[in-house]
């Protein structure tokens, strides 16, 4: 770093002078000004972004490895690099560099609670369940009587019934097929020599009357 350093002035009070640069000092002067007390090193003051501090005075960087400070901004991830000089990151990580430690003020943050070195032992297992109470003697109970049989279903009205004398294969969509010996129910006359009825499969249609014989009821 260079020997001389400039600093901007505040409208209310001038900032303190920056400390000497963190390099070998120049030849000793005959009269040395009384140094200001150095700020405390940034120990044990950490937040989510490392050690943090707020800028209390503006500072204009004079070297490439320094960082310009603006009053009120927060500097994060602070580390002490030399007596009176710290390094850090500002503006959300957009700038980094050295700056005078007496131009900022550390931000106090509550320390995180210490984690127990050893985990708490697991809880003991629950005791075994109590034995069930002795069963009371069961009195003999007669079995219930069987339910009464269901009533017979009501007779379905089948109308006029006939028995097929011959098997008949339907030749049209409005006719019905049946086999010899099957019962044809719900018979109605639909034309001369043609009746209509239902076969055992529930199919309804016309058929020749001379293919069946009526059943007396």
Protein backbone atom coordinates (compact mmCIF):
# COMPACT_ATOMS: atom_id res chain seq x y z
CA UNK A 1 0.00 0.00 0.00
CA UNK A 2 1.02 3.64 -0.40
CA UNK A 3 2.05 5.81 2.47
CA UNK A 4 -0.63 8.56 2.46
CA UNK A 5 -4.36 7.98 2.85
CA UNK A 6 -7.23 10.40 2.28
CA UNK A 7 -10.60 10.22 4.00
CA UNK A 8 -13.80 12.09 3.42
CA UNK A 9 -15.24 14.36 6.07
CA UNK A 10 -18.67 14.08 7.67
CA UNK A 11 -20.98 17.08 8.01
CA UNK A 12 -21.21 16.57 11.78
CA UNK A 13 -17.89 15.16 12.96
CA UNK A 14 -14.74 14.22 11.02
CA UNK A 15 -13.92 10.50 10.94
CA UNK A 16 -10.84 9.23 12.73
CA UNK A 17 -7.70 8.82 10.66
CA UNK A 18 -7.15 5.32 9.24
CA UNK A 19 -4.42 3.24 10.85
CA UNK A 20 -1.08 2.64 9.13
CA UNK A 21 -1.29 0.24 6.17
CA UNK A 22 -0.68 -3.44 6.93
CA UNK A 23 2.83 -3.50 5.39
CA UNK A 24 6.34 -2.74 6.58
CA UNK A 25 6.43 0.82 7.86
CA UNK A 26 8.51 3.53 6.20
CA UNK A 27 11.50 4.99 7.94
CA UNK A 28 10.66 6.03 11.45
CA UNK A 29 9.80 9.69 11.76
CA UNK A 30 11.37 11.84 14.41
CA UNK A 31 7.97 12.71 15.88
CA UNK A 32 5.29 10.04 15.96
CA UNK A 33 1.67 11.11 16.60
CA UNK A 34 0.00 9.34 19.48
CA UNK A 35 -1.97 6.44 17.90
CA UNK A 36 -5.62 6.09 18.62
CA UNK A 37 -6.73 2.98 20.49
CA UNK A 38 -7.36 0.17 18.01
CA UNK A 39 -10.90 -1.26 17.93
CA UNK A 40 -11.52 -4.65 19.44
CA UNK A 41 -10.80 -7.60 17.20
CA UNK A 42 -13.93 -9.14 15.72
CA UNK A 43 -14.21 -12.20 17.95
CA UNK A 44 -17.39 -14.08 18.91
CA UNK A 45 -19.72 -11.71 17.07
CA UNK A 46 -21.18 -13.79 14.29
CA UNK A 47 -24.42 -13.86 12.42
CA UNK A 48 -25.74 -15.82 9.52
CA UNK A 49 -23.11 -14.17 7.24
CA UNK A 50 -20.12 -14.37 9.57
CA UNK A 51 -18.91 -11.37 11.56
CA UNK A 52 -20.85 -8.22 10.57
CA UNK A 53 -20.35 -4.50 11.16
CA UNK A 54 -22.04 -1.25 10.15
CA UNK A 55 -20.08 1.57 8.55
CA UNK A 56 -19.99 4.71 10.76
CA UNK A 57 -17.81 6.91 8.45
CA UNK A 58 -17.36 7.12 4.70
CA UNK A 59 -14.03 5.84 3.42
CA UNK A 60 -12.60 6.16 -0.10
CA UNK A 61 -10.30 3.32 -1.12
CA UNK A 62 -6.80 4.47 -2.07
CA UNK A 63 -5.41 1.08 -3.09
CA UNK A 64 -6.64 -1.70 -5.36
CA UNK A 65 -6.96 -4.12 -2.45
CA UNK A 66 -9.04 -1.72 -0.36
CA UNK A 67 -12.81 -1.29 -0.30
CA UNK A 68 -14.76 1.99 -0.35
CA UNK A 69 -17.15 2.34 2.58
CA UNK A 70 -20.47 4.22 2.65
CA UNK A 71 -21.87 5.31 5.99
CA UNK A 72 -24.73 3.07 7.11
CA UNK A 73 -23.98 0.03 4.93
CA UNK A 74 -23.34 -3.39 6.45
CA UNK A 75 -20.06 -5.27 5.93
CA UNK A 76 -20.17 -9.05 6.31
CA UNK A 77 -17.67 -11.92 6.70
CA UNK A 78 -15.17 -9.66 8.48
CA UNK A 79 -11.67 -10.96 9.25
CA UNK A 80 -8.76 -9.22 10.95
CA UNK A 81 -5.77 -9.07 8.59
CA UNK A 82 -3.50 -6.70 10.51
CA UNK A 83 -3.54 -4.32 13.43
CA UNK A 84 -6.28 -1.79 12.71
CA UNK A 85 -7.16 -3.28 9.32
CA UNK A 86 -9.97 -5.69 8.55
CA UNK A 87 -11.24 -7.35 5.36
CA UNK A 88 -14.87 -8.04 4.51
CA UNK A 89 -17.62 -8.24 1.90
CA UNK A 90 -20.10 -5.45 1.19
CA UNK A 91 -23.22 -4.77 -0.86
CA UNK A 92 -24.37 -8.36 -0.84
CA UNK A 93 -21.07 -9.75 -2.15
CA UNK A 94 -20.51 -7.22 -4.95
CA UNK A 95 -17.37 -5.75 -3.38
CA UNK A 96 -14.65 -6.95 -1.07
CA UNK A 97 -11.35 -5.64 0.28
CA UNK A 98 -9.50 -4.06 3.19
CA UNK A 99 -10.78 -1.12 5.25
CA UNK A 100 -9.86 0.68 8.49
CA UNK A 101 -11.31 -1.11 11.51
CA UNK A 102 -12.10 2.20 13.28
CA UNK A 103 -14.46 3.22 10.44
CA UNK A 104 -17.01 0.51 11.33
CA UNK A 105 -18.83 -0.71 14.40
CA UNK A 106 -19.45 -4.40 15.04
CA UNK A 107 -23.04 -5.58 15.17
CA UNK A 108 -23.86 -7.48 18.32
CA UNK A 109 -25.82 -10.66 17.64
CA UNK A 110 -27.03 -13.20 20.20
CA UNK A 111 -24.84 -16.23 20.35
CA UNK A 112 -26.38 -19.45 19.20
CA UNK A 113 -27.17 -21.84 22.04
CA UNK A 114 -24.48 -24.39 22.52
CA UNK A 115 -25.31 -27.82 21.18
CA UNK A 116 -25.13 -30.51 23.75
CA UNK A 117 -22.00 -32.55 23.24
CA UNK A 118 -23.83 -35.78 23.80
CA UNK A 119 -27.34 -36.55 22.69
CA UNK A 120 -29.85 -37.27 25.42
CA UNK A 121 -30.24 -41.00 26.04
CA UNK A 122 -33.34 -42.53 24.48
CA UNK A 123 -36.33 -42.96 26.77
CA UNK A 124 -36.65 -46.35 28.47
CA UNK A 125 -38.99 -48.85 26.84
CA UNK A 126 -42.56 -48.84 28.16
CA UNK A 127 -43.45 -51.47 30.73
CA UNK A 128 -45.28 -54.56 29.54
CA UNK A 129 -49.07 -54.25 29.47
CA UNK A 130 -50.94 -55.58 32.49
CA UNK A 131 -52.32 -59.10 32.16
CA UNK A 132 -55.96 -59.29 31.10
CA UNK A 133 -58.48 -59.89 33.91
CA UNK A 134 -59.68 -63.44 34.32
CA UNK A 135 -62.61 -64.24 32.12
CA UNK A 136 -65.91 -64.57 33.92
CA UNK A 137 -67.65 -67.91 33.56
CA UNK A 138 -69.95 -67.85 30.61
CA UNK A 139 -73.47 -68.98 31.29
CA UNK A 140 -74.88 -71.44 28.82
CA UNK A 141 -77.09 -69.67 26.35
CA UNK A 142 -79.41 -71.62 24.11
CA UNK A 143 -78.87 -70.91 20.43
CA UNK A 144 -81.51 -68.71 18.86
CA UNK A 145 -84.20 -70.46 16.86
CA UNK A 146 -83.63 -70.58 13.13
CA UNK A 147 -85.30 -67.82 11.15
CA UNK A 148 -88.56 -68.73 9.47
CA UNK A 149 -88.28 -69.62 5.80
CA UNK A 150 -88.94 -66.76 3.43
CA UNK A 151 -92.39 -66.64 1.90
CA UNK A 152 -92.65 -68.06 -1.61
CA UNK A 153 -92.44 -65.47 -4.34
CA UNK A 154 -95.74 -64.45 -5.82
CA UNK A 155 -96.70 -66.33 -8.92
CA UNK A 156 -95.87 -64.45 -12.08
CA UNK A 157 -98.78 -64.04 -14.39
CA UNK A 158 -97.76 -65.89 -17.54
CA UNK A 159 -101.00 -65.43 -19.46
CA UNK A 160 -101.75 -68.03 -22.12
CA UNK A 161 -99.12 -70.78 -22.14
CA UNK A 162 -98.22 -73.28 -24.82
CA UNK A 163 -95.62 -76.01 -25.31
CA UNK A 164 -93.56 -76.14 -28.50
CA UNK A 165 -94.37 -79.22 -30.61
CA UNK A 166 -91.52 -78.41 -32.99
CA UNK A 167 -88.42 -76.29 -32.83
CA UNK A 168 -88.66 -72.97 -34.70
CA UNK A 169 -85.82 -70.72 -35.89
CA UNK A 170 -86.72 -67.02 -36.20
CA UNK A 171 -86.42 -65.82 -39.78
CA UNK A 172 -87.16 -62.13 -39.07
CA UNK A 173 -86.18 -59.68 -36.35
CA UNK A 174 -89.75 -59.63 -34.99
CA UNK A 175 -89.91 -63.43 -34.64
CA UNK A 176 -88.79 -65.62 -31.72
CA UNK A 177 -86.74 -68.83 -31.67
CA UNK A 178 -87.67 -71.80 -29.44
CA UNK A 179 -86.89 -75.49 -29.16
CA UNK A 180 -89.18 -78.51 -29.02
CA UNK A 181 -90.66 -78.94 -25.54
CA UNK A 182 -90.04 -75.34 -24.36
CA UNK A 183 -92.87 -73.36 -22.78
CA UNK A 184 -94.02 -70.23 -24.56
CA UNK A 185 -95.83 -67.74 -22.31
CA UNK A 186 -97.83 -64.51 -22.65
CA UNK A 187 -99.26 -65.70 -25.96
CA UNK A 188 -101.35 -63.32 -28.04
CA UNK A 189 -102.80 -63.77 -31.52
CA UNK A 190 -101.33 -61.21 -33.91
CA UNK A 191 -102.59 -62.50 -37.25
CA UNK A 192 -104.16 -65.46 -38.94
CA UNK A 193 -101.93 -68.44 -38.10
CA UNK A 194 -99.40 -66.30 -36.20
CA UNK A 195 -99.09 -65.80 -32.47
CA UNK A 196 -96.74 -63.74 -30.30
CA UNK A 197 -95.13 -64.97 -27.08
CA UNK A 198 -92.03 -65.19 -24.88
CA UNK A 199 -89.59 -68.08 -24.82
CA UNK A 200 -87.84 -69.30 -21.59
CA UNK A 201 -84.92 -66.92 -22.30
CA UNK A 202 -87.18 -63.87 -22.12
CA UNK A 203 -87.13 -63.25 -25.88
CA UNK A 204 -90.43 -61.97 -27.28
CA UNK A 205 -91.57 -62.40 -30.90
CA UNK A 206 -93.95 -63.97 -33.38
CA UNK A 207 -94.09 -67.65 -34.30
CA UNK A 208 -96.37 -70.01 -36.28
CA UNK A 209 -99.41 -71.02 -34.20
CA UNK A 210 -99.31 -74.60 -35.51
CA UNK A 211 -95.80 -75.12 -33.98
CA UNK A 212 -97.18 -75.11 -30.41
CA UNK A 213 -99.95 -76.66 -28.36
CA UNK A 214 -101.86 -74.67 -25.74
CA UNK A 215 -101.60 -75.83 -22.11
CA UNK A 216 -104.83 -76.20 -20.16
CA UNK A 217 -104.82 -74.02 -17.02
